[in-house]
Amino acid sequence: MKFQLSFPVAKRVRFDADFLHVDLADGRVISTPMRWYPELRAASVADVSNYKFICDGTGIEWPKLDYHLSVESMLVAAAPMKKAA
């Protein structure tokens, strides 16, 4: 049996005062707190709205801000953390 690794692919980015929302091609939506991204939070609405997808949709770039974000990192950061035993 051959396994194929697939990465989450973004299709749309939205944001509000509290959250960065990324709609994925498979129908899921990732929402993470804007406070996790100080560079985006400090930027103007126009600059945060000016993004492009990179790496076949697995990453997001804000060119004017020189800021890059991996969609996979949003999923990892959003996963519940467990305390080490």
PDB file of N, CA and C in Angstrom:
ATOM      1  N   MET A   1       0.846  -1.172   0.000  1.00  0.00           N
ATOM      2  CA  MET A   1       0.000   0.000   0.000  1.00  0.00           C
ATOM      3  C   MET A   1       0.895   1.240   0.000  1.00  0.00           C
ATOM      4  N   LYS A   2       0.593   2.163  -0.868  1.00  0.00           N
ATOM      5  CA  LYS A   2       1.367   3.396  -0.969  1.00  0.00           C
ATOM      6  C   LYS A   2       0.599   4.533  -0.305  1.00  0.00           C
ATOM      7  N   PHE A   3       1.272   5.238   0.585  1.00  0.00           N
ATOM      8  CA  PHE A   3       0.668   6.371   1.257  1.00  0.00           C
ATOM      9  C   PHE A   3       1.107   7.653   0.585  1.00  0.00           C
ATOM     10  N   GLN A   4       0.175   8.563   0.434  1.00  0.00           N
ATOM     11  CA  GLN A   4       0.497   9.860  -0.135  1.00  0.00           C
ATOM     12  C   GLN A   4       0.268  10.917   0.935  1.00  0.00           C
ATOM     13  N   LEU A   5       1.295  11.710   1.160  1.00  0.00           N
ATOM     14  CA  LEU A   5       1.222  12.777   2.140  1.00  0.00           C
ATOM     15  C   LEU A   5       0.496  13.961   1.520  1.00  0.00           C
ATOM     16  N   SER A   6      -0.494  14.483   2.205  1.00  0.00           N
ATOM     17  CA  SER A   6      -1.168  15.668   1.682  1.00  0.00           C
ATOM     18  C   SER A   6      -1.143  16.760   2.746  1.00  0.00           C
ATOM     19  N   PHE A   7      -0.959  17.957   2.294  1.00  0.00           N
ATOM     20  CA  PHE A   7      -0.887  19.107   3.167  1.00  0.00           C
ATOM     21  C   PHE A   7      -2.151  19.939   3.005  1.00  0.00           C
ATOM     22  N   PRO A   8      -2.576  20.622   4.059  1.00  0.00           N
ATOM     23  CA  PRO A   8      -3.768  21.467   3.944  1.00  0.00           C
ATOM     24  C   PRO A   8      -3.510  22.604   2.956  1.00  0.00           C
ATOM     25  N   VAL A   9      -4.480  22.830   2.083  1.00  0.00           N
ATOM     26  CA  VAL A   9      -4.359  23.856   1.044  1.00  0.00           C
ATOM     27  C   VAL A   9      -5.389  24.956   1.300  1.00  0.00           C
ATOM     28  N   ALA A  10      -4.899  26.181   1.370  1.00  0.00           N
ATOM     29  CA  ALA A  10      -5.770  27.333   1.618  1.00  0.00           C
ATOM     30  C   ALA A  10      -6.420  27.797   0.326  1.00  0.00           C
ATOM     31  N   LYS A  11      -7.661  28.281   0.464  1.00  0.00           N
ATOM     32  CA  LYS A  11      -8.327  28.857  -0.704  1.00  0.00           C
ATOM     33  C   LYS A  11      -8.825  30.278  -0.447  1.00  0.00           C
ATOM     34  N   ARG A  12      -8.903  30.685   0.832  1.00  0.00           N
ATOM     35  CA  ARG A  12      -9.341  32.042   1.141  1.00  0.00           C
ATOM     36  C   ARG A  12      -8.862  32.436   2.534  1.00  0.00           C
ATOM     37  N   VAL A  13      -8.531  33.709   2.688  1.00  0.00           N
ATOM     38  CA  VAL A  13      -8.114  34.257   3.978  1.00  0.00           C
ATOM     39  C   VAL A  13      -9.078  35.367   4.350  1.00  0.00           C
ATOM     40  N   ARG A  14      -9.535  35.334   5.602  1.00  0.00           N
ATOM     41  CA  ARG A  14     -10.385  36.395   6.134  1.00  0.00           C
ATOM     42  C   ARG A  14      -9.863  36.738   7.521  1.00  0.00           C
ATOM     43  N   PHE A  15     -10.205  37.891   8.000  1.00  0.00           N
ATOM     44  CA  PHE A  15      -9.792  38.254   9.347  1.00  0.00           C
ATOM     45  C   PHE A  15     -10.759  39.260   9.919  1.00  0.00           C
ATOM     46  N   ASP A  16     -10.780  39.322  11.241  1.00  0.00           N
ATOM     47  CA  ASP A  16     -11.530  40.350  11.950  1.00  0.00           C
ATOM     48  C   ASP A  16     -10.624  40.838  13.078  1.00  0.00           C
ATOM     49  N   ALA A  17     -11.141  41.592  13.976  1.00  0.00           N
ATOM     50  CA  ALA A  17     -10.311  42.161  15.041  1.00  0.00           C
ATOM     51  C   ALA A  17      -9.691  41.082  15.930  1.00  0.00           C
ATOM     52  N   ASP A  18     -10.344  39.932  16.020  1.00  0.00           N
ATOM     53  CA  ASP A  18      -9.888  38.902  16.943  1.00  0.00           C
ATOM     54  C   ASP A  18      -9.237  37.676  16.303  1.00  0.00           C
ATOM     55  N   PHE A  19      -9.644  37.326  15.083  1.00  0.00           N
ATOM     56  CA  PHE A  19      -9.197  36.062  14.500  1.00  0.00           C
ATOM     57  C   PHE A  19      -8.745  36.179  13.050  1.00  0.00           C
ATOM     58  N   LEU A  20      -7.804  35.304  12.702  1.00  0.00           N
ATOM     59  CA  LEU A  20      -7.405  35.071  11.318  1.00  0.00           C
ATOM     60  C   LEU A  20      -8.092  33.771  10.914  1.00  0.00           C
ATOM     61  N   HIS A  21      -8.891  33.820   9.860  1.00  0.00           N
ATOM     62  CA  HIS A  21      -9.645  32.655   9.383  1.00  0.00           C
ATOM     63  C   HIS A  21      -9.081  32.242   8.031  1.00  0.00           C
ATOM     64  N   VAL A  22      -8.791  30.958   7.884  1.00  0.00           N
ATOM     65  CA  VAL A  22      -8.320  30.433   6.610  1.00  0.00           C
ATOM     66  C   VAL A  22      -9.248  29.307   6.198  1.00  0.00           C
ATOM     67  N   ASP A  23      -9.895  29.482   5.045  1.00  0.00           N
ATOM     68  CA  ASP A  23     -10.757  28.449   4.488  1.00  0.00           C
ATOM     69  C   ASP A  23      -9.874  27.496   3.691  1.00  0.00           C
ATOM     70  N   LEU A  24     -10.029  26.196   3.950  1.00  0.00           N
ATOM     71  CA  LEU A  24      -9.238  25.189   3.263  1.00  0.00           C
ATOM     72  C   LEU A  24     -10.013  24.586   2.098  1.00  0.00           C
ATOM     73  N   ALA A  25      -9.270  24.046   1.156  1.00  0.00           N
ATOM     74  CA  ALA A  25      -9.875  23.451  -0.035  1.00  0.00           C
ATOM     75  C   ALA A  25     -10.769  22.267   0.308  1.00  0.00           C
ATOM     76  N   ASP A  26     -10.505  21.596   1.438  1.00  0.00           N
ATOM     77  CA  ASP A  26     -11.320  20.429   1.807  1.00  0.00           C
ATOM     78  C   ASP A  26     -12.562  20.796   2.615  1.00  0.00           C
ATOM     79  N   GLY A  27     -12.829  22.103   2.774  1.00  0.00           N
ATOM     80  CA  GLY A  27     -14.033  22.551   3.454  1.00  0.00           C
ATOM     81  C   GLY A  27     -13.838  22.970   4.901  1.00  0.00           C
ATOM     82  N   ARG A  28     -12.701  22.644   5.493  1.00  0.00           N
ATOM     83  CA  ARG A  28     -12.446  23.066   6.875  1.00  0.00           C
ATOM     84  C   ARG A  28     -12.109  24.549   6.922  1.00  0.00           C
ATOM     85  N   VAL A  29     -12.286  25.133   8.093  1.00  0.00           N
ATOM     86  CA  VAL A  29     -11.899  26.520   8.345  1.00  0.00           C
ATOM     87  C   VAL A  29     -11.021  26.523   9.595  1.00  0.00           C
ATOM     88  N   ILE A  30      -9.864  27.138   9.489  1.00  0.00           N
ATOM     89  CA  ILE A  30      -8.968  27.290  10.639  1.00  0.00           C
ATOM     90  C   ILE A  30      -9.112  28.729  11.125  1.00  0.00           C
ATOM     91  N   SER A  31      -9.338  28.908  12.401  1.00  0.00           N
ATOM     92  CA  SER A  31      -9.401  30.245  12.995  1.00  0.00           C
ATOM     93  C   SER A  31      -8.419  30.286  14.153  1.00  0.00           C
ATOM     94  N   THR A  32      -7.486  31.214  14.075  1.00  0.00           N
ATOM     95  CA  THR A  32      -6.502  31.375  15.136  1.00  0.00           C
ATOM     96  C   THR A  32      -6.502  32.835  15.581  1.00  0.00           C
ATOM     97  N   PRO A  33      -6.149  33.080  16.836  1.00  0.00           N
ATOM     98  CA  PRO A  33      -6.189  34.451  17.365  1.00  0.00           C
ATOM     99  C   PRO A  33      -5.203  35.384  16.646  1.00  0.00           C
ATOM    100  N   MET A  34      -5.661  36.566  16.317  1.00  0.00           N
ATOM    101  CA  MET A  34      -4.785  37.568  15.701  1.00  0.00           C
ATOM    102  C   MET A  34      -3.618  37.919  16.624  1.00  0.00           C
ATOM    103  N   ARG A  35      -3.808  37.773  17.921  1.00  0.00           N
ATOM    104  CA  ARG A  35      -2.725  38.117  18.850  1.00  0.00           C
ATOM    105  C   ARG A  35      -1.515  37.210  18.654  1.00  0.00           C
ATOM    106  N   TRP A  36      -1.676  36.061  17.987  1.00  0.00           N
ATOM    107  CA  TRP A  36      -0.554  35.184  17.684  1.00  0.00           C
ATOM    108  C   TRP A  36       0.334  35.756  16.586  1.00  0.00           C
ATOM    109  N   TYR A  37      -0.171  36.763  15.865  1.00  0.00           N
ATOM    110  CA  TYR A  37       0.544  37.329  14.721  1.00  0.00           C
ATOM    111  C   TYR A  37       0.700  38.838  14.900  1.00  0.00           C
ATOM    112  N   PRO A  38       1.624  39.273  15.759  1.00  0.00           N
ATOM    113  CA  PRO A  38       1.763  40.705  16.049  1.00  0.00           C
ATOM    114  C   PRO A  38       2.002  41.556  14.799  1.00  0.00           C
ATOM    115  N   GLU A  39       2.726  41.009  13.824  1.00  0.00           N
ATOM    116  CA  GLU A  39       2.995  41.764  12.598  1.00  0.00           C
ATOM    117  C   GLU A  39       1.710  42.036  11.819  1.00  0.00           C
ATOM    118  N   LEU A  40       0.828  41.055  11.776  1.00  0.00           N
ATOM    119  CA  LEU A  40      -0.450  41.241  11.074  1.00  0.00           C
ATOM    120  C   LEU A  40      -1.373  42.143  11.880  1.00  0.00           C
ATOM    121  N   ARG A  41      -1.375  41.962  13.163  1.00  0.00           N
ATOM    122  CA  ARG A  41      -2.249  42.759  14.027  1.00  0.00           C
ATOM    123  C   ARG A  41      -1.890  44.245  13.974  1.00  0.00           C
ATOM    124  N   ALA A  42      -0.598  44.552  13.848  1.00  0.00           N
ATOM    125  CA  ALA A  42      -0.137  45.939  13.810  1.00  0.00           C
ATOM    126  C   ALA A  42      -0.297  46.573  12.430  1.00  0.00           C
ATOM    127  N   ALA A  43      -0.526  45.760  11.412  1.00  0.00           N
ATOM    128  CA  ALA A  43      -0.613  46.261  10.037  1.00  0.00           C
ATOM    129  C   ALA A  43      -1.987  46.858   9.743  1.00  0.00           C
ATOM    130  N   SER A  44      -2.046  47.635   8.688  1.00  0.00           N
ATOM    131  CA  SER A  44      -3.317  48.222   8.266  1.00  0.00           C
ATOM    132  C   SER A  44      -4.224  47.145   7.673  1.00  0.00           C
ATOM    133  N   VAL A  45      -5.510  47.421   7.630  1.00  0.00           N
ATOM    134  CA  VAL A  45      -6.467  46.500   7.019  1.00  0.00           C
ATOM    135  C   VAL A  45      -6.093  46.254   5.561  1.00  0.00           C
ATOM    136  N   ALA A  46      -5.677  47.298   4.870  1.00  0.00           N
ATOM    137  CA  ALA A  46      -5.290  47.157   3.461  1.00  0.00           C
ATOM    138  C   ALA A  46      -4.107  46.205   3.304  1.00  0.00           C
ATOM    139  N   ASP A  47      -3.118  46.325   4.187  1.00  0.00           N
ATOM    140  CA  ASP A  47      -1.941  45.459   4.084  1.00  0.00           C
ATOM    141  C   ASP A  47      -2.261  44.010   4.436  1.00  0.00           C
ATOM    142  N   VAL A  48      -3.108  43.785   5.425  1.00  0.00           N
ATOM    143  CA  VAL A  48      -3.473  42.416   5.780  1.00  0.00           C
ATOM    144  C   VAL A  48      -4.369  41.796   4.702  1.00  0.00           C
ATOM    145  N   SER A  49      -5.127  42.625   4.028  1.00  0.00           N
ATOM    146  CA  SER A  49      -5.994  42.145   2.944  1.00  0.00           C
ATOM    147  C   SER A  49      -5.201  41.806   1.686  1.00  0.00           C
ATOM    148  N   ASN A  50      -3.978  42.308   1.590  1.00  0.00           N
ATOM    149  CA  ASN A  50      -3.127  42.079   0.419  1.00  0.00           C
ATOM    150  C   ASN A  50      -2.229  40.871   0.674  1.00  0.00           C
ATOM    151  N   TYR A  51      -2.757  39.694   0.409  1.00  0.00           N
ATOM    152  CA  TYR A  51      -2.009  38.452   0.606  1.00  0.00           C
ATOM    153  C   TYR A  51      -2.000  37.666  -0.686  1.00  0.00           C
ATOM    154  N   LYS A  52      -1.112  36.680  -0.748  1.00  0.00           N
ATOM    155  CA  LYS A  52      -1.132  35.739  -1.867  1.00  0.00           C
ATOM    156  C   LYS A  52      -0.749  34.371  -1.334  1.00  0.00           C
ATOM    157  N   PHE A  53      -1.210  33.346  -2.018  1.00  0.00           N
ATOM    158  CA  PHE A  53      -0.873  31.985  -1.642  1.00  0.00           C
ATOM    159  C   PHE A  53       0.457  31.613  -2.268  1.00  0.00           C
ATOM    160  N   ILE A  54       1.255  30.894  -1.504  1.00  0.00           N
ATOM    161  CA  ILE A  54       2.549  30.423  -1.978  1.00  0.00           C
ATOM    162  C   ILE A  54       2.633  28.921  -1.759  1.00  0.00           C
ATOM    163  N   CYS A  55       3.601  28.289  -2.389  1.00  0.00           N
ATOM    164  CA  CYS A  55       3.847  26.850  -2.205  1.00  0.00           C
ATOM    165  C   CYS A  55       2.592  26.023  -2.461  1.00  0.00           C
ATOM    166  N   ASP A  56       1.958  26.280  -3.595  1.00  0.00           N
ATOM    167  CA  ASP A  56       0.749  25.541  -3.998  1.00  0.00           C
ATOM    168  C   ASP A  56      -0.382  25.638  -2.978  1.00  0.00           C
ATOM    169  N   GLY A  57      -0.493  26.785  -2.303  1.00  0.00           N
ATOM    170  CA  GLY A  57      -1.583  27.015  -1.367  1.00  0.00           C
ATOM    171  C   GLY A  57      -1.322  26.518   0.041  1.00  0.00           C
ATOM    172  N   THR A  58      -0.131  26.006   0.295  1.00  0.00           N
ATOM    173  CA  THR A  58       0.179  25.526   1.644  1.00  0.00           C
ATOM    174  C   THR A  58       0.773  26.633   2.512  1.00  0.00           C
ATOM    175  N   GLY A  59       0.978  27.787   1.920  1.00  0.00           N
ATOM    176  CA  GLY A  59       1.503  28.930   2.656  1.00  0.00           C
ATOM    177  C   GLY A  59       0.819  30.210   2.210  1.00  0.00           C
ATOM    178  N   ILE A  60       0.917  31.227   3.049  1.00  0.00           N
ATOM    179  CA  ILE A  60       0.335  32.540   2.769  1.00  0.00           C
ATOM    180  C   ILE A  60       1.445  33.574   2.932  1.00  0.00           C
ATOM    181  N   GLU A  61       1.496  34.509   2.006  1.00  0.00           N
ATOM    182  CA  GLU A  61       2.492  35.584   2.069  1.00  0.00           C
ATOM    183  C   GLU A  61       1.785  36.933   2.039  1.00  0.00           C
ATOM    184  N   TRP A  62       2.248  37.827   2.876  1.00  0.00           N
ATOM    185  CA  TRP A  62       1.840  39.222   2.837  1.00  0.00           C
ATOM    186  C   TRP A  62       3.054  39.991   2.333  1.00  0.00           C
ATOM    187  N   PRO A  63       3.121  40.237   1.020  1.00  0.00           N
ATOM    188  CA  PRO A  63       4.331  40.784   0.400  1.00  0.00           C
ATOM    189  C   PRO A  63       4.802  42.112   1.008  1.00  0.00           C
ATOM    190  N   LYS A  64       3.885  43.043   1.213  1.00  0.00           N
ATOM    191  CA  LYS A  64       4.290  44.350   1.728  1.00  0.00           C
ATOM    192  C   LYS A  64       4.835  44.249   3.151  1.00  0.00           C
ATOM    193  N   LEU A  65       4.362  43.260   3.897  1.00  0.00           N
ATOM    194  CA  LEU A  65       4.795  43.082   5.277  1.00  0.00           C
ATOM    195  C   LEU A  65       6.003  42.147   5.394  1.00  0.00           C
ATOM    196  N   ASP A  66       6.353  41.486   4.273  1.00  0.00           N
ATOM    197  CA  ASP A  66       7.406  40.472   4.268  1.00  0.00           C
ATOM    198  C   ASP A  66       7.133  39.444   5.366  1.00  0.00           C
ATOM    199  N   TYR A  67       5.882  38.969   5.384  1.00  0.00           N
ATOM    200  CA  TYR A  67       5.441  38.018   6.403  1.00  0.00           C
ATOM    201  C   TYR A  67       4.896  36.781   5.709  1.00  0.00           C
ATOM    202  N   HIS A  68       5.291  35.603   6.221  1.00  0.00           N
ATOM    203  CA  HIS A  68       4.886  34.323   5.638  1.00  0.00           C
ATOM    204  C   HIS A  68       4.323  33.434   6.735  1.00  0.00           C
ATOM    205  N   LEU A  69       3.312  32.659   6.365  1.00  0.00           N
ATOM    206  CA  LEU A  69       2.666  31.781   7.331  1.00  0.00           C
ATOM    207  C   LEU A  69       2.343  30.448   6.668  1.00  0.00           C
ATOM    208  N   SER A  70       2.721  29.379   7.307  1.00  0.00           N
ATOM    209  CA  SER A  70       2.401  28.039   6.840  1.00  0.00           C
ATOM    210  C   SER A  70       1.011  27.658   7.347  1.00  0.00           C
ATOM    211  N   VAL A  71       0.169  27.150   6.459  1.00  0.00           N
ATOM    212  CA  VAL A  71      -1.168  26.710   6.859  1.00  0.00           C
ATOM    213  C   VAL A  71      -1.046  25.555   7.854  1.00  0.00           C
ATOM    214  N   GLU A  72      -0.113  24.670   7.628  1.00  0.00           N
ATOM    215  CA  GLU A  72       0.090  23.544   8.541  1.00  0.00           C
ATOM    216  C   GLU A  72       0.446  24.030   9.947  1.00  0.00           C
ATOM    217  N   SER A  73       1.227  25.093  10.048  1.00  0.00           N
ATOM    218  CA  SER A  73       1.595  25.607  11.372  1.00  0.00           C
ATOM    219  C   SER A  73       0.379  26.125  12.126  1.00  0.00           C
ATOM    220  N   MET A  74      -0.608  26.626  11.399  1.00  0.00           N
ATOM    221  CA  MET A  74      -1.837  27.065  12.046  1.00  0.00           C
ATOM    222  C   MET A  74      -2.575  25.879  12.660  1.00  0.00           C
ATOM    223  N   LEU A  75      -2.565  24.751  11.978  1.00  0.00           N
ATOM    224  CA  LEU A  75      -3.224  23.548  12.501  1.00  0.00           C
ATOM    225  C   LEU A  75      -2.488  23.003  13.711  1.00  0.00           C
ATOM    226  N   VAL A  76      -1.185  22.988  13.668  1.00  0.00           N
ATOM    227  CA  VAL A  76      -0.387  22.482  14.775  1.00  0.00           C
ATOM    228  C   VAL A  76      -0.557  23.384  15.992  1.00  0.00           C
ATOM    229  N   ALA A  77      -0.506  24.687  15.768  1.00  0.00           N
ATOM    230  CA  ALA A  77      -0.656  25.620  16.877  1.00  0.00           C
ATOM    231  C   ALA A  77      -2.059  25.573  17.460  1.00  0.00           C
ATOM    232  N   ALA A  78      -3.057  25.242  16.632  1.00  0.00           N
ATOM    233  CA  ALA A  78      -4.437  25.202  17.088  1.00  0.00           C
ATOM    234  C   ALA A  78      -4.774  23.915  17.825  1.00  0.00           C
ATOM    235  N   ALA A  79      -3.921  22.884  17.690  1.00  0.00           N
ATOM    236  CA  ALA A  79      -4.202  21.601  18.336  1.00  0.00           C
ATOM    237  C   ALA A  79      -4.052  21.743  19.848  1.00  0.00           C
ATOM    238  N   PRO A  80      -4.909  21.069  20.600  1.00  0.00           N
ATOM    239  CA  PRO A  80      -4.798  21.150  22.056  1.00  0.00           C
ATOM    240  C   PRO A  80      -3.455  20.597  22.523  1.00  0.00           C
ATOM    241  N   MET A  81      -2.853  21.306  23.442  1.00  0.00           N
ATOM    242  CA  MET A  81      -1.561  20.889  23.973  1.00  0.00           C
ATOM    243  C   MET A  81      -1.804  20.054  25.221  1.00  0.00           C
ATOM    244  N   LYS A  82      -1.039  18.989  25.383  1.00  0.00           N
ATOM    245  CA  LYS A  82      -1.159  18.153  26.563  1.00  0.00           C
ATOM    246  C   LYS A  82       0.076  18.333  27.433  1.00  0.00           C
ATOM    247  N   LYS A  83      -0.142  18.295  28.716  1.00  0.00           N
ATOM    248  CA  LYS A  83       0.944  18.429  29.672  1.00  0.00           C
ATOM    249  C   LYS A  83       1.739  17.125  29.706  1.00  0.00           C
ATOM    250  N   ALA A  84       3.061  17.233  29.743  1.00  0.00           N
ATOM    251  CA  ALA A  84       3.898  16.053  29.835  1.00  0.00           C
ATOM    252  C   ALA A  84       3.705  15.382  31.189  1.00  0.00           C
ATOM    253  N   ALA A  85       3.669  14.080  31.173  1.00  0.00           N
ATOM    254  CA  ALA A  85       3.456  13.332  32.419  1.00  0.00           C
ATOM    255  C   ALA A  85       4.745  13.180  33.190  1.00  0.00           C
TER     256      ALA A  85
END
